[in-house]
Amino acid sequence: MPFKIGSKQTTKMVEQGKATAVYVAEDADQRITGKIVELCERAGIEVIWVDTMERLGATCGIDVGAAMAASVPDEE
């Protein structure tokens, strides 16, 4: 399942109802992650916590850390 990475992309996927789950790094800035967690709770989307931004980035296949990512179904 592909990921949309970063706060803007993740927020957009949640707002459009396309995210099936949202991954959030525990060591990311709370001011950023708090908003997406609230949004997910209101939308009924599962939030999965990942211990570090580095690990979340690696999970998503990128070489840098990521604060959050949304898993979205293939659009094909």
Protein backbone atom coordinates (compact mmCIF):
# COMPACT_ATOMS: atom_id res chain seq x y z
CA MET A 1 0.00 0.00 0.00
CA PRO A 2 1.47 3.38 -0.98
CA PHE A 3 2.06 6.20 1.48
CA LYS A 4 1.46 9.94 1.28
CA ILE A 5 4.21 11.42 3.40
CA GLY A 6 4.30 14.69 5.36
CA SER A 7 1.76 16.77 7.22
CA LYS A 8 0.20 18.51 4.18
CA GLN A 9 -0.23 15.30 2.16
CA THR A 10 -1.42 13.32 5.18
CA THR A 11 -3.95 15.99 6.17
CA LYS A 12 -5.25 16.16 2.59
CA MET A 13 -5.75 12.37 2.44
CA VAL A 14 -7.61 12.34 5.77
CA GLU A 15 -9.82 15.28 4.76
CA GLN A 16 -10.63 13.61 1.42
CA GLY A 17 -11.41 10.32 3.18
CA LYS A 18 -8.73 8.46 1.22
CA ALA A 19 -6.47 7.47 4.14
CA THR A 20 -6.98 3.97 5.52
CA ALA A 21 -4.57 4.56 8.42
CA VAL A 22 -2.21 7.31 9.55
CA TYR A 23 1.27 6.66 10.93
CA VAL A 24 2.62 9.26 13.36
CA ALA A 25 6.15 9.45 14.78
CA GLU A 26 6.24 9.72 18.58
CA ASP A 27 9.27 12.03 18.47
CA ALA A 28 7.70 14.50 16.03
CA ASP A 29 6.61 18.00 17.10
CA GLN A 30 3.40 17.71 19.14
CA ARG A 31 2.02 20.93 17.63
CA ILE A 32 2.01 19.22 14.24
CA THR A 33 0.98 15.71 15.27
CA GLY A 34 -1.78 16.82 17.63
CA LYS A 35 -3.82 18.28 14.77
CA ILE A 36 -3.66 15.17 12.60
CA VAL A 37 -4.49 12.88 15.53
CA GLU A 38 -7.61 14.98 16.27
CA LEU A 39 -8.57 14.96 12.61
CA CYS A 40 -8.19 11.17 12.45
CA GLU A 41 -10.26 10.68 15.60
CA ARG A 42 -13.09 12.77 14.13
CA ALA A 43 -12.86 10.90 10.80
CA GLY A 44 -12.64 7.46 12.44
CA ILE A 45 -9.23 6.72 10.92
CA GLU A 46 -6.78 4.53 12.83
CA VAL A 47 -3.63 6.25 14.12
CA ILE A 48 -0.57 4.00 14.34
CA TRP A 49 2.30 5.33 16.45
CA VAL A 50 5.88 4.73 15.28
CA ASP A 51 8.68 5.31 17.79
CA THR A 52 10.88 7.62 15.67
CA MET A 53 10.66 9.87 12.61
CA GLU A 54 13.67 8.00 11.22
CA ARG A 55 11.91 4.64 11.43
CA LEU A 56 8.73 6.05 9.88
CA GLY A 57 10.74 7.51 7.00
CA ALA A 58 12.43 4.13 6.44
CA THR A 59 9.07 2.35 6.54
CA CYS A 60 7.85 4.71 3.82
CA GLY A 61 10.96 4.06 1.75
CA ILE A 62 12.58 7.48 2.11
CA ASP A 63 16.05 8.37 3.39
CA VAL A 64 14.91 11.11 5.78
CA GLY A 65 12.65 11.19 8.81
CA ALA A 66 8.91 11.68 8.49
CA ALA A 67 6.58 13.10 11.14
CA MET A 68 3.53 11.40 9.64
CA ALA A 69 2.29 9.45 6.67
CA ALA A 70 -1.07 8.22 5.44
CA SER A 71 -1.52 4.82 3.88
CA VAL A 72 -3.82 5.07 0.87
CA PRO A 73 -5.17 2.33 -1.38
CA ASP A 74 -3.74 2.01 -4.88
CA GLU A 75 -5.65 4.30 -7.19
CA GLU A 76 -5.18 2.07 -10.23
